C-alpha atoms as a PDB file:
ATOM      1  CA  MET A   1      13.343 336.556-136.590  1.00  0.00           C
ATOM      2  CA  LYS A   2      15.415 337.554-133.551  1.00  0.00           C
ATOM      3  CA  LYS A   3      12.430 336.897-131.281  1.00  0.00           C
ATOM      4  CA  LEU A   4      12.080 333.401-132.715  1.00  0.00           C
ATOM      5  CA  PHE A   5      15.794 332.784-132.205  1.00  0.00           C
ATOM      6  CA  TYR A   6      15.731 333.946-128.568  1.00  0.00           C
ATOM      7  CA  ALA A   7      12.598 331.882-127.927  1.00  0.00           C
ATOM      8  CA  ALA A   8      14.259 328.776-129.386  1.00  0.00           C
ATOM      9  CA  VAL A   9      17.348 329.339-127.216  1.00  0.00           C
ATOM     10  CA  ALA A  10      15.178 329.778-124.127  1.00  0.00           C
ATOM     11  CA  VAL A  11      13.245 326.568-124.854  1.00  0.00           C
ATOM     12  CA  ALA A  12      16.492 324.665-125.443  1.00  0.00           C
ATOM     13  CA  MET A  13      17.982 325.939-122.171  1.00  0.00           C
ATOM     14  CA  PHE A  14      14.813 325.086-120.248  1.00  0.00           C
ATOM     15  CA  THR A  15      14.648 321.587-121.786  1.00  0.00           C
ATOM     16  CA  THR A  16      18.306 320.912-121.009  1.00  0.00           C
ATOM     17  CA  GLY A  17      17.913 322.179-117.458  1.00  0.00           C
ATOM     18  CA  PHE A  18      14.774 320.101-116.941  1.00  0.00           C
ATOM     19  CA  ALA A  19      16.468 316.950-118.258  1.00  0.00           C
ATOM     20  CA  GLN A  20      19.477 317.513-115.987  1.00  0.00           C
ATOM     21  CA  GLU A  21      17.223 318.225-113.010  1.00  0.00           C
ATOM     22  CA  THR A  22      15.207 315.065-113.721  1.00  0.00           C
ATOM     23  CA  GLN A  23      18.373 313.026-113.949  1.00  0.00           C
ATOM     24  CA  ASN A  24      19.749 314.461-110.716  1.00  0.00           C
ATOM     25  CA  THR A  25      16.597 314.075-108.622  1.00  0.00           C
ATOM     26  CA  THR A  26      15.338 310.657-109.702  1.00  0.00           C
ATOM     27  CA  PRO A  27      16.679 307.345-108.389  1.00  0.00           C
ATOM     28  CA  ASP A  28      19.182 305.327-110.371  1.00  0.00           C
ATOM     29  CA  PHE A  29      17.740 303.642-113.449  1.00  0.00           C
ATOM     30  CA  LYS A  30      18.969 301.159-116.031  1.00  0.00           C
ATOM     31  CA  LYS A  31      20.198 303.092-119.055  1.00  0.00           C
ATOM     32  CA  TRP A  32      20.075 300.311-121.652  1.00  0.00           C
ATOM     33  CA  GLN A  33      17.387 297.985-122.859  1.00  0.00           C
ATOM     34  CA  VAL A  34      17.103 295.529-125.731  1.00  0.00           C
ATOM     35  CA  ARG A  35      13.983 294.070-127.324  1.00  0.00           C
ATOM     36  CA  LEU A  36      13.245 291.201-129.682  1.00  0.00           C
ATOM     37  CA  ARG A  37       9.942 291.588-131.504  1.00  0.00           C
ATOM     38  CA  GLY A  38       7.900 289.905-134.194  1.00  0.00           C
ATOM     39  CA  VAL A  39       6.724 292.648-136.555  1.00  0.00           C
ATOM     40  CA  SER A  40       4.119 292.770-139.304  1.00  0.00           C
ATOM     41  CA  VAL A  41       5.038 295.172-142.103  1.00  0.00           C
ATOM     42  CA  THR A  42       2.091 296.513-144.101  1.00  0.00           C
ATOM     43  CA  PRO A  43       2.923 298.979-146.895  1.00  0.00           C
ATOM     44  CA  ASN A  44       0.416 301.689-147.782  1.00  0.00           C
ATOM     45  CA  GLU A  45       1.737 302.024-151.303  1.00  0.00           C
ATOM     46  CA  SER A  46       0.966 304.311-154.224  1.00  0.00           C
ATOM     47  CA  ALA A  47       2.933 305.166-157.344  1.00  0.00           C
ATOM     48  CA  SER A  48       3.270 307.460-160.298  1.00  0.00           C
ATOM     49  CA  ILE A  49       4.493 305.271-163.164  1.00  0.00           C
ATOM     50  CA  GLY A  50       5.745 306.741-166.413  1.00  0.00           C
ATOM     51  CA  ILE A  51       4.862 305.479-169.920  1.00  0.00           C
ATOM     52  CA  ILE A  52       2.672 302.503-168.923  1.00  0.00           C
ATOM     53  CA  GLY A  53       0.768 304.159-166.051  1.00  0.00           C
ATOM     54  CA  GLY A  54      -1.036 302.201-163.375  1.00  0.00           C
ATOM     55  CA  ASP A  55      -0.197 301.860-159.697  1.00  0.00           C
ATOM     56  CA  ALA A  56       2.098 299.751-157.514  1.00  0.00           C
ATOM     57  CA  SER A  57       1.306 296.791-155.265  1.00  0.00           C
ATOM     58  CA  ILE A  58       3.771 295.700-152.563  1.00  0.00           C
ATOM     59  CA  SER A  59       3.218 292.570-150.481  1.00  0.00           C
ATOM     60  CA  ASN A  60       2.985 292.481-146.686  1.00  0.00           C
ATOM     61  CA  SER A  61       5.711 290.832-144.621  1.00  0.00           C
ATOM     62  CA  PHE A  62       6.312 289.442-141.124  1.00  0.00           C
ATOM     63  CA  ILE A  63       9.830 289.651-139.685  1.00  0.00           C
ATOM     64  CA  PRO A  64      11.891 289.387-136.505  1.00  0.00           C
ATOM     65  CA  GLU A  65      13.189 292.762-135.325  1.00  0.00           C
ATOM     66  CA  LEU A  66      15.912 293.718-132.847  1.00  0.00           C
ATOM     67  CA  ASP A  67      16.187 297.126-131.207  1.00  0.00           C
ATOM     68  CA  PHE A  68      18.422 298.849-128.680  1.00  0.00           C
ATOM     69  CA  THR A  69      17.383 301.755-126.463  1.00  0.00           C
ATOM     70  CA  TYR A  70      19.570 304.131-124.449  1.00  0.00           C
ATOM     71  CA  PHE A  71      18.020 306.300-121.708  1.00  0.00           C
ATOM     72  CA  PHE A  72      19.557 309.757-121.288  1.00  0.00           C
ATOM     73  CA  THR A  73      17.172 310.374-118.394  1.00  0.00           C
ATOM     74  CA  LYS A  74      14.420 308.285-116.854  1.00  0.00           C
ATOM     75  CA  ASN A  75      11.986 309.697-119.450  1.00  0.00           C
ATOM     76  CA  ILE A  76      14.039 310.541-122.545  1.00  0.00           C
ATOM     77  CA  ALA A  77      15.597 307.798-124.677  1.00  0.00           C
ATOM     78  CA  ALA A  78      16.862 307.015-128.170  1.00  0.00           C
ATOM     79  CA  GLU A  79      16.042 303.746-129.926  1.00  0.00           C
ATOM     80  CA  LEU A  80      17.785 302.117-132.893  1.00  0.00           C
ATOM     81  CA  ILE A  81      15.596 299.632-134.762  1.00  0.00           C
ATOM     82  CA  LEU A  82      17.116 296.888-136.911  1.00  0.00           C
ATOM     83  CA  GLY A  83      15.350 294.476-139.225  1.00  0.00           C
ATOM     84  CA  THR A  84      15.047 293.514-142.879  1.00  0.00           C
ATOM     85  CA  THR A  85      12.023 292.651-145.010  1.00  0.00           C
ATOM     86  CA  LYS A  86      11.352 291.004-148.370  1.00  0.00           C
ATOM     87  CA  HIS A  87       8.484 292.187-150.559  1.00  0.00           C
ATOM     88  CA  ASP A  88       6.975 291.054-153.853  1.00  0.00           C
ATOM     89  CA  VAL A  89       6.260 293.934-156.231  1.00  0.00           C
ATOM     90  CA  HIS A  90       4.071 294.385-159.290  1.00  0.00           C
ATOM     91  CA  THR A  91       2.209 297.143-161.078  1.00  0.00           C
ATOM     92  CA  THR A  92      -1.579 297.181-161.357  1.00  0.00           C
ATOM     93  CA  GLY A  93      -3.727 298.546-164.158  1.00  0.00           C
ATOM     94  CA  SER A  94      -0.824 299.251-166.514  1.00  0.00           C
ATOM     95  CA  ASP A  95      -1.234 299.855-170.256  1.00  0.00           C
ATOM     96  CA  ILE A  96       1.306 297.855-172.280  1.00  0.00           C
ATOM     97  CA  SER A  97      -0.575 298.012-175.580  1.00  0.00           C
ATOM     98  CA  ALA A  98       2.360 299.869-177.158  1.00  0.00           C
ATOM     99  CA  ILE A  99       4.333 296.623-177.059  1.00  0.00           C
ATOM    100  CA  GLY A 100       1.428 294.418-178.081  1.00  0.00           C
ATOM    101  CA  GLY A 101      -0.015 293.715-174.639  1.00  0.00           C
ATOM    102  CA  PRO A 102      -3.348 294.556-172.977  1.00  0.00           C
ATOM    103  CA  THR A 103      -4.452 298.051-171.965  1.00  0.00           C
ATOM    104  CA  ASN A 104      -5.104 297.071-168.344  1.00  0.00           C
ATOM    105  CA  THR A 105      -2.807 294.497-166.782  1.00  0.00           C
ATOM    106  CA  ASN A 106      -0.448 293.785-163.894  1.00  0.00           C
ATOM    107  CA  VAL A 107       3.289 293.651-164.524  1.00  0.00           C
ATOM    108  CA  ASP A 108       5.403 291.393-162.318  1.00  0.00           C
ATOM    109  CA  LEU A 109       8.482 293.230-161.002  1.00  0.00           C
ATOM    110  CA  GLY A 110       9.850 290.373-158.907  1.00  0.00           C
ATOM    111  CA  SER A 111      10.937 291.031-155.334  1.00  0.00           C
ATOM    112  CA  VAL A 112      13.259 293.214-153.281  1.00  0.00           C
ATOM    113  CA  TYR A 113      14.718 293.244-149.773  1.00  0.00           C
ATOM    114  CA  LEU A 114      14.558 296.395-147.633  1.00  0.00           C
ATOM    115  CA  LEU A 115      17.008 297.178-144.822  1.00  0.00           C
ATOM    116  CA  PRO A 116      15.476 300.154-142.978  1.00  0.00           C
ATOM    117  CA  PRO A 117      17.536 301.122-139.881  1.00  0.00           C
ATOM    118  CA  THR A 118      15.434 303.631-137.931  1.00  0.00           C
ATOM    119  CA  LEU A 119      16.484 305.944-135.099  1.00  0.00           C
ATOM    120  CA  THR A 120      13.793 307.486-132.889  1.00  0.00           C
ATOM    121  CA  VAL A 121      13.883 309.789-129.882  1.00  0.00           C
ATOM    122  CA  GLN A 122      11.296 308.754-127.296  1.00  0.00           C
ATOM    123  CA  TYR A 123       9.525 310.136-124.270  1.00  0.00           C
ATOM    124  CA  HIS A 124       8.585 307.457-121.708  1.00  0.00           C
ATOM    125  CA  PHE A 125       5.683 307.894-119.301  1.00  0.00           C
ATOM    126  CA  TYR A 126       5.185 305.978-116.060  1.00  0.00           C
ATOM    127  CA  ALA A 127       1.456 305.252-115.867  1.00  0.00           C
ATOM    128  CA  THR A 128       1.941 302.705-113.084  1.00  0.00           C
ATOM    129  CA  GLN A 129       4.866 300.810-111.643  1.00  0.00           C
ATOM    130  CA  LYS A 130       4.431 298.146-114.320  1.00  0.00           C
ATOM    131  CA  LEU A 131       2.819 300.000-117.238  1.00  0.00           C
ATOM    132  CA  LYS A 132       5.141 302.332-119.176  1.00  0.00           C
ATOM    133  CA  PRO A 133       3.841 303.859-122.435  1.00  0.00           C
ATOM    134  CA  TYR A 134       6.020 305.935-124.765  1.00  0.00           C
ATOM    135  CA  VAL A 135       5.906 308.026-127.923  1.00  0.00           C
ATOM    136  CA  GLY A 136       8.701 308.674-130.382  1.00  0.00           C
ATOM    137  CA  ALA A 137       9.727 310.291-133.653  1.00  0.00           C
ATOM    138  CA  GLY A 138      12.831 310.049-135.785  1.00  0.00           C
ATOM    139  CA  ILE A 139      14.456 309.276-139.109  1.00  0.00           C
ATOM    140  CA  ASN A 140      14.799 306.233-141.314  1.00  0.00           C
ATOM    141  CA  TYR A 141      17.240 305.312-144.078  1.00  0.00           C
ATOM    142  CA  THR A 142      16.127 302.441-146.284  1.00  0.00           C
ATOM    143  CA  ILE A 143      18.573 300.380-148.332  1.00  0.00           C
ATOM    144  CA  PHE A 144      17.149 298.277-151.181  1.00  0.00           C
ATOM    145  CA  TYR A 145      19.150 295.153-151.971  1.00  0.00           C
ATOM    146  CA  SER A 146      19.007 291.637-153.479  1.00  0.00           C
ATOM    147  CA  VAL A 147      16.640 292.747-156.221  1.00  0.00           C
ATOM    148  CA  ASP A 148      15.065 289.881-158.177  1.00  0.00           C
ATOM    149  CA  GLU A 149      13.462 291.426-161.265  1.00  0.00           C
ATOM    150  CA  GLY A 150      11.263 288.390-161.970  1.00  0.00           C
ATOM    151  CA  ASN A 151      10.538 286.894-165.390  1.00  0.00           C
ATOM    152  CA  THR A 152       8.964 289.874-167.184  1.00  0.00           C
ATOM    153  CA  VAL A 153      11.473 292.751-167.341  1.00  0.00           C
ATOM    154  CA  LYS A 154      15.251 292.856-167.623  1.00  0.00           C
ATOM    155  CA  ASP A 155      16.097 294.763-164.433  1.00  0.00           C
ATOM    156  CA  VAL A 156      14.651 296.944-161.658  1.00  0.00           C
ATOM    157  CA  GLU A 157      16.622 299.605-159.749  1.00  0.00           C
ATOM    158  CA  TYR A 158      15.515 301.224-156.471  1.00  0.00           C
ATOM    159  CA  ASP A 159      17.121 304.358-155.016  1.00  0.00           C
ATOM    160  CA  ASN A 160      18.032 304.210-151.329  1.00  0.00           C
ATOM    161  CA  ALA A 161      16.100 306.893-149.457  1.00  0.00           C
ATOM    162  CA  PHE A 162      15.588 308.774-146.191  1.00  0.00           C
ATOM    163  CA  GLY A 163      12.202 308.833-144.484  1.00  0.00           C
ATOM    164  CA  TYR A 164      10.476 309.912-141.282  1.00  0.00           C
ATOM    165  CA  ALA A 165       9.222 307.658-138.501  1.00  0.00           C
ATOM    166  CA  PHE A 166       6.601 308.073-135.783  1.00  0.00           C
ATOM    167  CA  GLN A 167       6.117 305.609-132.977  1.00  0.00           C
ATOM    168  CA  LEU A 168       4.018 304.738-129.963  1.00  0.00           C
ATOM    169  CA  GLY A 169       4.131 301.742-127.694  1.00  0.00           C
ATOM    170  CA  ILE A 170       3.936 300.362-124.202  1.00  0.00           C
ATOM    171  CA  ASP A 171       6.182 298.245-121.998  1.00  0.00           C
ATOM    172  CA  TYR A 172       4.689 296.018-119.315  1.00  0.00           C
ATOM    173  CA  MET A 173       7.244 295.184-116.625  1.00  0.00           C
ATOM    174  CA  ILE A 174       7.327 291.556-115.467  1.00  0.00           C
ATOM    175  CA  ASN A 175       9.982 292.486-112.920  1.00  0.00           C
ATOM    176  CA  ASP A 176      12.625 295.216-112.670  1.00  0.00           C
ATOM    177  CA  ARG A 177      14.592 293.680-115.565  1.00  0.00           C
ATOM    178  CA  PHE A 178      12.290 291.859-118.000  1.00  0.00           C
ATOM    179  CA  PHE A 179       9.204 293.162-119.788  1.00  0.00           C
ATOM    180  CA  VAL A 180       6.838 292.548-122.694  1.00  0.00           C
ATOM    181  CA  ASN A 181       6.257 295.164-125.368  1.00  0.00           C
ATOM    182  CA  VAL A 182       3.659 296.256-127.916  1.00  0.00           C
ATOM    183  CA  ASP A 183       4.797 298.803-130.483  1.00  0.00           C
ATOM    184  CA  ALA A 184       3.461 300.599-133.573  1.00  0.00           C
ATOM    185  CA  LYS A 185       5.527 302.587-136.037  1.00  0.00           C
ATOM    186  CA  LYS A 186       4.579 304.517-139.157  1.00  0.00           C
ATOM    187  CA  ILE A 187       7.362 305.207-141.644  1.00  0.00           C
ATOM    188  CA  PHE A 188       6.897 307.761-144.414  1.00  0.00           C
ATOM    189  CA  LEU A 189       9.153 306.574-147.226  1.00  0.00           C
ATOM    190  CA  ASN A 190       9.321 307.088-150.982  1.00  0.00           C
ATOM    191  CA  THR A 191      11.802 305.955-153.603  1.00  0.00           C
ATOM    192  CA  ASP A 192      12.569 306.449-157.279  1.00  0.00           C
ATOM    193  CA  VAL A 193      12.383 303.230-159.301  1.00  0.00           C
ATOM    194  CA  THR A 194      13.707 302.565-162.793  1.00  0.00           C
ATOM    195  CA  VAL A 195      12.459 299.517-164.688  1.00  0.00           C
ATOM    196  CA  ASN A 196      14.692 298.330-167.539  1.00  0.00           C
ATOM    197  CA  ALA A 197      12.252 296.722-169.989  1.00  0.00           C
ATOM    198  CA  SER A 198      14.582 296.723-172.986  1.00  0.00           C
ATOM    199  CA  ASN A 199      13.931 292.999-173.366  1.00  0.00           C
ATOM    200  CA  LEU A 200      10.312 293.880-174.277  1.00  0.00           C
ATOM    201  CA  ALA A 201      11.074 296.853-176.549  1.00  0.00           C
ATOM    202  CA  PRO A 202      14.485 298.281-177.548  1.00  0.00           C
ATOM    203  CA  GLY A 203      15.558 301.073-175.190  1.00  0.00           C
ATOM    204  CA  LEU A 204      12.404 300.881-173.068  1.00  0.00           C
ATOM    205  CA  SER A 205      13.010 302.341-169.607  1.00  0.00           C
ATOM    206  CA  ILE A 206      10.080 302.980-167.247  1.00  0.00           C
ATOM    207  CA  PRO A 207      10.547 305.510-164.409  1.00  0.00           C
ATOM    208  CA  ALA A 208       8.345 305.526-161.319  1.00  0.00           C
ATOM    209  CA  LYS A 209       8.009 307.370-158.040  1.00  0.00           C
ATOM    210  CA  VAL A 210       6.760 305.021-155.349  1.00  0.00           C
ATOM    211  CA  ASP A 211       5.415 305.857-151.881  1.00  0.00           C
ATOM    212  CA  ILE A 212       5.780 302.827-149.586  1.00  0.00           C
ATOM    213  CA  ASN A 213       4.737 304.309-146.197  1.00  0.00           C
ATOM    214  CA  PRO A 214       4.631 301.050-144.191  1.00  0.00           C
ATOM    215  CA  LEU A 215       2.858 300.493-140.887  1.00  0.00           C
ATOM    216  CA  LEU A 216       4.851 298.264-138.500  1.00  0.00           C
ATOM    217  CA  LEU A 217       3.030 296.504-135.664  1.00  0.00           C
ATOM    218  CA  GLY A 218       5.175 294.539-133.230  1.00  0.00           C
ATOM    219  CA  PHE A 219       4.952 292.388-130.125  1.00  0.00           C
ATOM    220  CA  GLY A 220       7.924 291.082-128.190  1.00  0.00           C
ATOM    221  CA  VAL A 221      10.001 290.806-125.058  1.00  0.00           C
ATOM    222  CA  GLY A 222      12.778 292.952-123.655  1.00  0.00           C
ATOM    223  CA  MET A 223      15.426 293.250-120.996  1.00  0.00           C
ATOM    224  CA  LYS A 224      16.860 296.252-119.154  1.00  0.00           C
ATOM    225  CA  PHE A 225      20.504 296.369-118.120  1.00  0.00           C
END
């Protein structure tokens, strides 16, 4: 255990020293950049649904997204990603025969908005003077809001949740200030959902654990300053 601790300290000291050395020996660079992207959001959903069984289906979405990046060194940066999405939700293959329905049907659960601020730490490469790829990893916190339960059940509740994010992308510099960007992010996110179906049967509450795990593909423009 002590060996692991000393190794971790040594790696941390080396990384810090390398970052400081990089910062001190490279020319001045712009520490901030902002991007505006159009992003497709494609959930890779699955669910474990109590009582009625089945799976979940969550619609795709296309949104505008704004992000801000701060460079600690020429290579190491942190990016905060802001955007919100709306998704239609329903179950698939559910058995509602206990309340007089079919044994295999889809249940409309209306729609919900997701606000998923995501913070990633990135490493930027300099392939050429104009081409600058990067990779990143970080955390996400998703807030579910403006739930519309639809016309079938009485109410749907989603628990806000933390997730993990992985990212890769590339900036293509038009000049020393403006650039175009292509970016891909994978967010690993799950939430607990409670469906209040007491309008269909007295006291009926349906719990579910839902994996959303969206893939976000974006294209946009940015500016360094």
